[in-house]
Amino acid sequence: MLFLTICDYSSLVIDIFCDNPGEAGEDNAVACFYFDSGAQKEQSAMNVLGALLKQVVSSLDQIPEEITDEFRRHKKFIGGRDLQLSEIVMMLGSVSSTQRTFLFLDALDECAGPDRDKVLLSLKDIIEMSPTTRVFLTGRPYVGDEVAKHFPEGTTLLSISPPTEDIIRYIRAKLAEGISSGEMDLELESEILEEIPENASEM
């Protein structure tokens, strides 16, 4: 099952999964990645999947022998050799199949297009190897079509946006925090409270 939402509720969902053990009291393996449009060069598909693999492996009591052997094999090359994306995907699919695993990727729309396609293809391969693995994605609405294309079955698209009243309440609180008495008149405050909620539909 794979979810897509508009707004950033990932941190809350991740905290819930980290704080609540799975069936029979067993801990869930939880791995997350937060995309940033300002760091697209560093957030290649290989780096993203590598970060998820590292987190899932760190949740295990012992590193699987197959992963240790693979890293040793790559070190034998002159100067060492980086793992390929396909190898990372294979390892992540393998370790995910040994425990209930949840993968969270936030702000998918901020991932560069070519890398986003590779990430989605990789996640599809991982789910095929480990059917109990669940993926939770957040992103702006336009990436929903891309997600649906890669996962035609077993995908739930959930559109979430905060009520206008919540946005206004948040803005009021921030204005009260950052502005000294007398720095803003009622007319400007009223304009801010009107303009921002109207233009915050996809934020």
Protein backbone atom coordinates (compact mmCIF):
# COMPACT_ATOMS: atom_id res chain seq x y z
CA MET A 1 0.00 0.00 0.00
CA LEU A 2 1.35 3.40 -0.95
CA PHE A 3 0.02 6.80 0.01
CA LEU A 4 0.41 10.27 -1.44
CA THR A 5 -0.57 13.39 0.48
CA ILE A 6 -0.33 17.08 -0.27
CA CYS A 7 0.81 18.48 3.03
CA ASP A 8 3.75 17.67 5.25
CA TYR A 9 2.44 15.34 7.95
CA SER A 10 5.35 12.92 7.58
CA SER A 11 7.07 13.77 10.86
CA LEU A 12 3.91 13.06 12.84
CA VAL A 13 3.27 9.76 11.03
CA ILE A 14 6.92 8.68 11.43
CA ASP A 15 6.81 9.42 15.17
CA ILE A 16 3.69 7.30 15.54
CA PHE A 17 5.30 4.32 13.79
CA CYS A 18 8.56 4.68 15.74
CA ASP A 19 6.77 4.89 19.09
CA ASN A 20 4.41 1.95 18.55
CA PRO A 21 5.75 -1.61 18.32
CA GLY A 22 4.43 -4.01 15.72
CA GLU A 23 2.63 -7.28 16.29
CA ALA A 24 3.71 -9.35 19.29
CA GLY A 25 5.64 -6.33 20.60
CA GLU A 26 8.21 -6.45 17.81
CA ASP A 27 9.66 -3.16 16.64
CA ASN A 28 8.93 -1.99 13.13
CA ALA A 29 11.81 -1.08 10.85
CA VAL A 30 11.23 2.56 9.96
CA ALA A 31 13.33 4.46 7.43
CA CYS A 32 12.73 7.96 6.12
CA PHE A 33 14.11 10.48 3.67
CA TYR A 34 13.28 14.16 3.32
CA PHE A 35 13.81 15.65 -0.13
CA ASP A 36 15.01 19.22 -0.53
CA SER A 37 14.86 21.03 -3.87
CA GLY A 38 18.02 22.91 -2.91
CA ALA A 39 20.03 19.71 -2.59
CA GLN A 40 18.97 17.76 -5.68
CA LYS A 41 22.55 17.02 -6.78
CA GLU A 42 23.28 15.30 -3.46
CA GLN A 43 19.93 13.50 -3.41
CA SER A 44 20.43 11.09 -6.29
CA ALA A 45 18.38 7.90 -6.42
CA MET A 46 21.44 5.95 -5.28
CA ASN A 47 21.97 8.20 -2.26
CA VAL A 48 18.29 8.07 -1.34
CA LEU A 49 18.06 4.28 -1.48
CA GLY A 50 21.44 3.96 0.23
CA ALA A 51 20.21 6.12 3.11
CA LEU A 52 17.07 3.97 3.46
CA LEU A 53 19.17 0.79 3.42
CA LYS A 54 21.46 2.12 6.14
CA GLN A 55 18.51 2.95 8.38
CA VAL A 56 16.81 -0.43 7.91
CA VAL A 57 20.05 -2.33 8.53
CA SER A 58 20.76 -0.28 11.68
CA SER A 59 17.45 -1.50 13.13
CA LEU A 60 18.64 -5.12 12.99
CA ASP A 61 20.40 -6.84 15.87
CA GLN A 62 23.00 -8.15 13.45
CA ILE A 63 24.01 -7.11 9.93
CA PRO A 64 23.01 -9.90 7.51
CA GLU A 65 25.97 -11.87 6.20
CA GLU A 66 24.97 -11.31 2.57
CA ILE A 67 25.31 -7.53 3.02
CA THR A 68 28.65 -7.83 4.79
CA ASP A 69 29.94 -10.13 2.04
CA GLU A 70 28.78 -7.70 -0.67
CA PHE A 71 30.62 -4.77 0.91
CA ARG A 72 33.77 -6.89 1.32
CA ARG A 73 33.56 -7.92 -2.32
CA HIS A 74 33.43 -4.30 -3.46
CA LYS A 75 36.42 -3.37 -1.31
CA LYS A 76 38.56 -5.89 -3.20
CA PHE A 77 38.49 -3.73 -6.32
CA ILE A 78 41.41 -1.32 -6.70
CA GLY A 79 40.48 1.75 -4.69
CA GLY A 80 37.18 0.11 -3.80
CA ARG A 81 34.01 0.33 -5.85
CA ASP A 82 30.67 1.94 -5.05
CA LEU A 83 27.57 -0.20 -4.95
CA GLN A 84 25.26 0.06 -7.94
CA LEU A 85 21.63 1.15 -7.51
CA SER A 86 20.40 -2.32 -8.47
CA GLU A 87 22.59 -3.87 -5.75
CA ILE A 88 21.30 -1.47 -3.11
CA VAL A 89 17.71 -2.25 -4.14
CA MET A 90 18.36 -5.99 -3.90
CA MET A 91 19.82 -5.64 -0.41
CA LEU A 92 17.02 -3.36 0.77
CA GLY A 93 14.40 -5.74 -0.58
CA SER A 94 16.13 -8.64 1.13
CA VAL A 95 16.48 -7.08 4.60
CA SER A 96 12.97 -5.61 4.41
CA SER A 97 11.56 -9.08 3.91
CA THR A 98 12.95 -10.20 7.31
CA GLN A 99 10.85 -7.71 9.31
CA ARG A 100 7.86 -5.42 8.87
CA THR A 101 9.29 -2.34 7.18
CA PHE A 102 7.89 1.14 6.58
CA LEU A 103 9.61 3.52 4.17
CA PHE A 104 8.73 7.22 4.31
CA LEU A 105 9.76 9.68 1.59
CA ASP A 106 8.72 13.27 2.15
CA ALA A 107 8.32 15.99 -0.53
CA LEU A 108 8.76 13.65 -3.50
CA ASP A 109 8.05 16.59 -5.82
CA GLU A 110 11.36 18.16 -4.73
CA CYS A 111 13.32 15.21 -6.12
CA ALA A 112 14.74 15.86 -9.62
CA GLY A 113 12.59 14.26 -12.35
CA PRO A 114 15.04 11.58 -13.60
CA ASP A 115 15.97 10.58 -10.05
CA ARG A 116 12.31 10.56 -8.99
CA ASP A 117 11.57 8.03 -11.72
CA LYS A 118 14.48 5.83 -10.55
CA VAL A 119 13.33 6.09 -6.93
CA LEU A 120 9.79 5.02 -7.81
CA LEU A 121 11.04 2.12 -9.95
CA SER A 122 13.31 1.03 -7.09
CA LEU A 123 10.47 1.17 -4.56
CA LYS A 124 8.34 -0.95 -6.87
CA ASP A 125 11.11 -3.57 -7.07
CA ILE A 126 11.52 -3.55 -3.27
CA ILE A 127 7.78 -4.09 -2.72
CA GLU A 128 7.81 -6.98 -5.19
CA MET A 129 10.66 -8.60 -3.23
CA SER A 130 9.12 -7.77 0.14
CA PRO A 131 5.29 -7.63 -0.14
CA THR A 132 4.85 -6.70 3.54
CA THR A 133 6.88 -3.50 3.10
CA ARG A 134 4.77 -0.34 3.13
CA VAL A 135 5.68 2.98 1.53
CA PHE A 136 4.35 6.40 2.51
CA LEU A 137 5.00 9.31 0.15
CA THR A 138 4.15 12.98 0.41
CA GLY A 139 4.25 15.47 -2.43
CA ARG A 140 2.33 18.07 -4.36
CA PRO A 141 -0.63 16.83 -6.41
CA TYR A 142 1.09 16.67 -9.80
CA VAL A 143 3.36 13.78 -8.77
CA GLY A 144 0.27 11.68 -8.07
CA ASP A 145 0.06 10.65 -11.72
CA GLU A 146 3.67 9.46 -11.65
CA VAL A 147 3.05 7.42 -8.52
CA ALA A 148 -0.11 5.88 -9.97
CA LYS A 149 1.77 4.97 -13.17
CA HIS A 150 4.43 3.03 -11.25
CA PHE A 151 1.96 1.49 -8.79
CA PRO A 152 -1.29 0.85 -10.71
CA GLU A 153 -2.53 -1.48 -7.96
CA GLY A 154 -2.43 -1.23 -4.19
CA THR A 155 -2.08 2.56 -4.15
CA THR A 156 -4.15 4.98 -2.12
CA LEU A 157 -3.97 8.66 -3.04
CA LEU A 158 -5.05 10.83 -0.14
CA SER A 159 -5.42 14.58 -0.56
CA ILE A 160 -4.85 16.52 2.64
CA SER A 161 -4.97 20.26 3.18
CA PRO A 162 -5.40 22.23 6.40
CA PRO A 163 -8.64 24.13 7.05
CA THR A 164 -8.40 27.87 6.48
CA GLU A 165 -9.12 28.40 10.16
CA ASP A 166 -6.01 26.42 11.11
CA ILE A 167 -3.83 28.46 8.75
CA ILE A 168 -5.17 31.72 10.19
CA ARG A 169 -4.62 30.47 13.75
CA TYR A 170 -1.02 29.53 12.88
CA ILE A 171 -0.32 32.91 11.25
CA ARG A 172 -1.77 34.77 14.24
CA ALA A 173 0.50 32.81 16.59
CA LYS A 174 3.58 33.53 14.46
CA LEU A 175 2.74 37.23 14.21
CA ALA A 176 2.35 37.39 17.98
CA GLU A 177 5.78 35.74 18.44
CA GLY A 178 7.85 37.81 16.04
CA ILE A 179 6.47 41.31 16.23
CA SER A 180 6.84 43.83 19.01
CA SER A 181 3.89 45.85 20.18
CA GLY A 182 3.09 48.71 17.82
CA GLU A 183 5.11 47.38 14.86
CA MET A 184 2.04 46.31 12.87
CA ASP A 185 -1.28 48.04 12.48
CA LEU A 186 -4.60 46.22 12.27
CA GLU A 187 -4.98 46.93 8.54
CA LEU A 188 -1.70 45.20 7.61
CA GLU A 189 -2.43 42.25 9.91
CA SER A 190 -5.87 41.86 8.33
CA GLU A 191 -4.33 41.92 4.84
CA ILE A 192 -1.79 39.22 5.80
CA LEU A 193 -4.50 37.02 7.32
CA GLU A 194 -6.53 37.33 4.11
CA GLU A 195 -3.83 36.94 1.46
CA ILE A 196 -1.73 34.05 2.80
CA PRO A 197 -4.55 31.50 3.37
CA GLU A 198 -5.89 32.20 -0.14
CA ASN A 199 -2.51 31.35 -1.71
CA ALA A 200 -1.53 28.45 0.52
CA SER A 201 -3.63 25.74 -1.17
CA GLU A 202 -0.67 23.57 -2.19
CA MET A 203 1.83 24.46 0.51
